[in-house]
Amino acid sequence: MKMLATKMALVTSVALATLLAAEAASAQRLQTASEAYDAEANPNYGFGPRVTVQPGDVVSGNKVIGRDPDPSIRNQLLREYDSGRRN
């Protein structure tokens, strides 16, 4: 019984370490992917020049669709854009 508990603890700790390493790698990838198309520059087609993503930018896929310093406004912009509703 002791051996089973030890093996379960080892498997759990290895799985947790793998999960944390994968999350760290994902966060690093997001930080390095810092360019996107400026969809505001050409709203008819949704693609403009490539720009560096700033902290206040709203990004959907590989497009910068808006900018605002308030996180709640950025979330609202993203929800409206992803809903398919167009003005």
N, C-alpha and C. Protein backbone atom coordinates (compact mmCIF):
# COMPACT_ATOMS: atom_id res chain seq x y z
N MET A 1 0.82 -1.20 0.00
CA MET A 1 0.00 0.00 0.00
C MET A 1 0.86 1.26 0.00
N LYS A 2 1.97 1.21 0.79
CA LYS A 2 2.87 2.36 0.83
C LYS A 2 3.50 2.62 -0.54
N MET A 3 3.84 1.54 -1.24
CA MET A 3 4.47 1.66 -2.54
C MET A 3 3.50 2.30 -3.55
N LEU A 4 2.23 1.95 -3.50
CA LEU A 4 1.22 2.51 -4.39
C LEU A 4 1.06 4.01 -4.14
N ALA A 5 1.00 4.41 -2.87
CA ALA A 5 0.86 5.82 -2.52
C ALA A 5 2.09 6.61 -2.98
N THR A 6 3.25 6.05 -2.85
CA THR A 6 4.49 6.71 -3.29
C THR A 6 4.49 6.89 -4.80
N LYS A 7 4.08 5.84 -5.52
CA LYS A 7 4.03 5.93 -6.98
C LYS A 7 3.00 6.97 -7.44
N MET A 8 1.86 7.01 -6.78
CA MET A 8 0.83 7.99 -7.13
C MET A 8 1.32 9.41 -6.88
N ALA A 9 2.02 9.62 -5.77
CA ALA A 9 2.57 10.95 -5.47
C ALA A 9 3.60 11.35 -6.52
N LEU A 10 4.43 10.41 -6.93
CA LEU A 10 5.45 10.69 -7.94
C LEU A 10 4.81 11.02 -9.28
N VAL A 11 3.82 10.24 -9.69
CA VAL A 11 3.13 10.50 -10.96
C VAL A 11 2.43 11.86 -10.93
N THR A 12 1.80 12.18 -9.82
CA THR A 12 1.11 13.46 -9.69
C THR A 12 2.10 14.62 -9.76
N SER A 13 3.22 14.50 -9.09
CA SER A 13 4.20 15.59 -9.12
C SER A 13 4.82 15.76 -10.51
N VAL A 14 5.06 14.67 -11.22
CA VAL A 14 5.59 14.76 -12.59
C VAL A 14 4.57 15.42 -13.51
N ALA A 15 3.30 15.05 -13.37
CA ALA A 15 2.25 15.65 -14.20
C ALA A 15 2.13 17.14 -13.92
N LEU A 16 2.20 17.53 -12.66
CA LEU A 16 2.12 18.94 -12.30
C LEU A 16 3.31 19.72 -12.84
N ALA A 17 4.49 19.16 -12.74
CA ALA A 17 5.69 19.82 -13.27
C ALA A 17 5.59 19.99 -14.79
N THR A 18 5.07 18.98 -15.48
CA THR A 18 4.90 19.07 -16.93
C THR A 18 3.90 20.15 -17.29
N LEU A 19 2.81 20.22 -16.55
CA LEU A 19 1.79 21.24 -16.79
C LEU A 19 2.36 22.65 -16.59
N LEU A 20 3.11 22.84 -15.53
CA LEU A 20 3.70 24.16 -15.26
C LEU A 20 4.72 24.54 -16.33
N ALA A 21 5.51 23.58 -16.79
CA ALA A 21 6.49 23.86 -17.84
C ALA A 21 5.80 24.23 -19.14
N ALA A 22 4.70 23.53 -19.47
CA ALA A 22 3.96 23.84 -20.70
C ALA A 22 3.32 25.22 -20.61
N GLU A 23 2.81 25.58 -19.45
CA GLU A 23 2.21 26.90 -19.28
C GLU A 23 3.25 28.00 -19.41
N ALA A 24 4.43 27.78 -18.85
CA ALA A 24 5.50 28.77 -18.96
C ALA A 24 5.94 28.93 -20.42
N ALA A 25 6.03 27.82 -21.15
CA ALA A 25 6.41 27.89 -22.56
C ALA A 25 5.35 28.63 -23.37
N SER A 26 4.09 28.40 -23.05
CA SER A 26 3.00 29.09 -23.75
C SER A 26 3.05 30.58 -23.49
N ALA A 27 3.30 30.97 -22.25
CA ALA A 27 3.40 32.39 -21.92
C ALA A 27 4.58 33.03 -22.63
N GLN A 28 5.69 32.33 -22.74
CA GLN A 28 6.85 32.85 -23.44
C GLN A 28 6.54 33.04 -24.92
N ARG A 29 5.82 32.08 -25.52
CA ARG A 29 5.46 32.18 -26.93
C ARG A 29 4.56 33.39 -27.17
N LEU A 30 3.64 33.64 -26.26
CA LEU A 30 2.75 34.79 -26.41
C LEU A 30 3.52 36.11 -26.31
N GLN A 31 4.54 36.14 -25.47
CA GLN A 31 5.32 37.36 -25.34
C GLN A 31 6.19 37.61 -26.57
N THR A 32 6.65 36.56 -27.22
CA THR A 32 7.51 36.75 -28.39
C THR A 32 6.70 37.05 -29.64
N ALA A 33 5.44 36.63 -29.71
CA ALA A 33 4.59 36.91 -30.86
C ALA A 33 4.00 38.29 -30.68
N SER A 34 4.80 39.33 -30.95
CA SER A 34 4.39 40.68 -30.60
C SER A 34 4.02 41.53 -31.81
N GLU A 35 3.76 40.92 -32.95
CA GLU A 35 3.32 41.69 -34.10
C GLU A 35 1.97 41.18 -34.58
N ALA A 36 1.15 42.10 -35.05
CA ALA A 36 -0.17 41.75 -35.58
C ALA A 36 -0.54 42.76 -36.65
N TYR A 37 -1.56 42.43 -37.43
CA TYR A 37 -2.04 43.36 -38.45
C TYR A 37 -2.91 44.42 -37.79
N ASP A 38 -2.75 45.66 -38.21
CA ASP A 38 -3.57 46.76 -37.69
C ASP A 38 -4.86 46.81 -38.49
N ALA A 39 -5.91 46.17 -37.98
CA ALA A 39 -7.19 46.10 -38.68
C ALA A 39 -7.88 47.45 -38.73
N GLU A 40 -7.52 48.36 -37.84
CA GLU A 40 -8.13 49.69 -37.85
C GLU A 40 -7.64 50.54 -39.02
N ALA A 41 -6.46 50.23 -39.55
CA ALA A 41 -5.90 51.01 -40.66
C ALA A 41 -6.66 50.75 -41.96
N ASN A 42 -7.22 49.56 -42.11
CA ASN A 42 -7.97 49.22 -43.31
C ASN A 42 -9.19 48.41 -42.90
N PRO A 43 -10.24 49.07 -42.36
CA PRO A 43 -11.38 48.33 -41.81
C PRO A 43 -12.19 47.54 -42.84
N ASN A 44 -12.13 47.90 -44.13
CA ASN A 44 -12.88 47.17 -45.14
C ASN A 44 -12.37 45.75 -45.33
N TYR A 45 -11.06 45.57 -45.21
CA TYR A 45 -10.46 44.25 -45.41
C TYR A 45 -9.97 43.62 -44.12
N GLY A 46 -9.77 44.42 -43.08
CA GLY A 46 -9.33 43.88 -41.80
C GLY A 46 -7.84 43.67 -41.69
N PHE A 47 -7.09 44.02 -42.73
CA PHE A 47 -5.64 43.87 -42.67
C PHE A 47 -5.01 45.20 -43.03
N GLY A 48 -4.11 45.62 -42.18
CA GLY A 48 -3.34 46.83 -42.44
C GLY A 48 -1.88 46.49 -42.27
N PRO A 49 -1.07 47.47 -41.98
CA PRO A 49 0.36 47.20 -41.78
C PRO A 49 0.59 46.40 -40.50
N ARG A 50 1.70 45.70 -40.44
CA ARG A 50 2.06 44.97 -39.23
C ARG A 50 2.55 45.97 -38.20
N VAL A 51 2.05 45.84 -36.99
CA VAL A 51 2.42 46.74 -35.90
C VAL A 51 2.84 45.91 -34.69
N THR A 52 3.58 46.53 -33.80
CA THR A 52 3.95 45.89 -32.55
C THR A 52 2.78 45.99 -31.58
N VAL A 53 2.41 44.88 -30.97
CA VAL A 53 1.28 44.86 -30.04
C VAL A 53 1.69 45.56 -28.75
N GLN A 54 0.87 46.51 -28.33
CA GLN A 54 1.10 47.28 -27.11
C GLN A 54 0.21 46.72 -25.99
N PRO A 55 0.50 47.05 -24.73
CA PRO A 55 -0.29 46.51 -23.62
C PRO A 55 -1.79 46.86 -23.67
N GLY A 56 -2.18 47.99 -24.21
CA GLY A 56 -3.59 48.36 -24.26
C GLY A 56 -4.32 47.92 -25.50
N ASP A 57 -3.68 47.14 -26.37
CA ASP A 57 -4.29 46.72 -27.63
C ASP A 57 -5.27 45.56 -27.42
N VAL A 58 -6.30 45.55 -28.24
CA VAL A 58 -7.25 44.43 -28.28
C VAL A 58 -6.89 43.61 -29.50
N VAL A 59 -6.52 42.35 -29.29
CA VAL A 59 -6.06 41.49 -30.38
C VAL A 59 -7.00 40.31 -30.52
N SER A 60 -7.45 40.08 -31.75
CA SER A 60 -8.25 38.90 -32.08
C SER A 60 -7.51 38.15 -33.18
N GLY A 61 -7.01 36.99 -32.85
CA GLY A 61 -6.20 36.23 -33.80
C GLY A 61 -4.89 36.96 -34.04
N ASN A 62 -4.67 37.40 -35.27
CA ASN A 62 -3.45 38.15 -35.59
C ASN A 62 -3.78 39.58 -36.00
N LYS A 63 -4.91 40.11 -35.51
CA LYS A 63 -5.34 41.47 -35.86
C LYS A 63 -5.51 42.32 -34.61
N VAL A 64 -4.99 43.54 -34.66
CA VAL A 64 -5.27 44.52 -33.61
C VAL A 64 -6.57 45.20 -34.01
N ILE A 65 -7.62 45.01 -33.20
CA ILE A 65 -8.93 45.54 -33.57
C ILE A 65 -9.32 46.78 -32.79
N GLY A 66 -8.53 47.15 -31.79
CA GLY A 66 -8.83 48.36 -31.03
C GLY A 66 -7.80 48.58 -29.94
N ARG A 67 -7.95 49.72 -29.26
CA ARG A 67 -7.03 50.06 -28.17
C ARG A 67 -7.81 50.77 -27.07
N ASP A 68 -7.52 50.42 -25.82
CA ASP A 68 -8.11 51.12 -24.69
C ASP A 68 -7.35 50.73 -23.44
N PRO A 69 -7.10 51.68 -22.54
CA PRO A 69 -6.37 51.34 -21.31
C PRO A 69 -7.21 50.55 -20.30
N ASP A 70 -8.54 50.59 -20.40
CA ASP A 70 -9.43 49.93 -19.44
C ASP A 70 -9.68 48.48 -19.84
N PRO A 71 -9.33 47.51 -18.97
CA PRO A 71 -9.52 46.09 -19.32
C PRO A 71 -10.98 45.72 -19.62
N SER A 72 -11.93 46.32 -18.93
CA SER A 72 -13.33 45.97 -19.18
C SER A 72 -13.77 46.44 -20.56
N ILE A 73 -13.28 47.59 -21.01
CA ILE A 73 -13.59 48.08 -22.35
C ILE A 73 -12.93 47.18 -23.39
N ARG A 74 -11.69 46.76 -23.14
CA ARG A 74 -11.01 45.85 -24.08
C ARG A 74 -11.79 44.54 -24.21
N ASN A 75 -12.28 44.00 -23.08
CA ASN A 75 -13.07 42.77 -23.14
C ASN A 75 -14.35 42.97 -23.93
N GLN A 76 -14.99 44.12 -23.75
CA GLN A 76 -16.23 44.40 -24.49
C GLN A 76 -15.95 44.51 -25.99
N LEU A 77 -14.87 45.20 -26.35
CA LEU A 77 -14.49 45.31 -27.77
C LEU A 77 -14.25 43.93 -28.38
N LEU A 78 -13.55 43.08 -27.64
CA LEU A 78 -13.25 41.74 -28.13
C LEU A 78 -14.52 40.90 -28.26
N ARG A 79 -15.42 40.98 -27.28
CA ARG A 79 -16.68 40.23 -27.36
C ARG A 79 -17.50 40.66 -28.57
N GLU A 80 -17.61 41.98 -28.78
CA GLU A 80 -18.39 42.48 -29.91
C GLU A 80 -17.77 42.08 -31.24
N TYR A 81 -16.45 42.15 -31.33
CA TYR A 81 -15.77 41.80 -32.59
C TYR A 81 -15.94 40.30 -32.88
N ASP A 82 -15.75 39.47 -31.86
CA ASP A 82 -15.83 38.02 -32.06
C ASP A 82 -17.27 37.54 -32.24
N SER A 83 -18.26 38.37 -31.91
CA SER A 83 -19.65 37.95 -32.07
C SER A 83 -20.10 38.01 -33.52
N GLY A 84 -19.36 38.73 -34.36
CA GLY A 84 -19.73 38.86 -35.76
C GLY A 84 -20.57 40.08 -36.03
N ARG A 85 -20.94 40.80 -35.00
CA ARG A 85 -21.75 41.99 -35.16
C ARG A 85 -20.88 43.11 -35.74
N ARG A 86 -21.31 43.68 -36.81
CA ARG A 86 -20.56 44.77 -37.45
C ARG A 86 -21.43 46.01 -37.50
N ASN A 87 -20.81 47.16 -37.41
CA ASN A 87 -21.54 48.44 -37.46
C ASN A 87 -21.84 48.83 -38.87
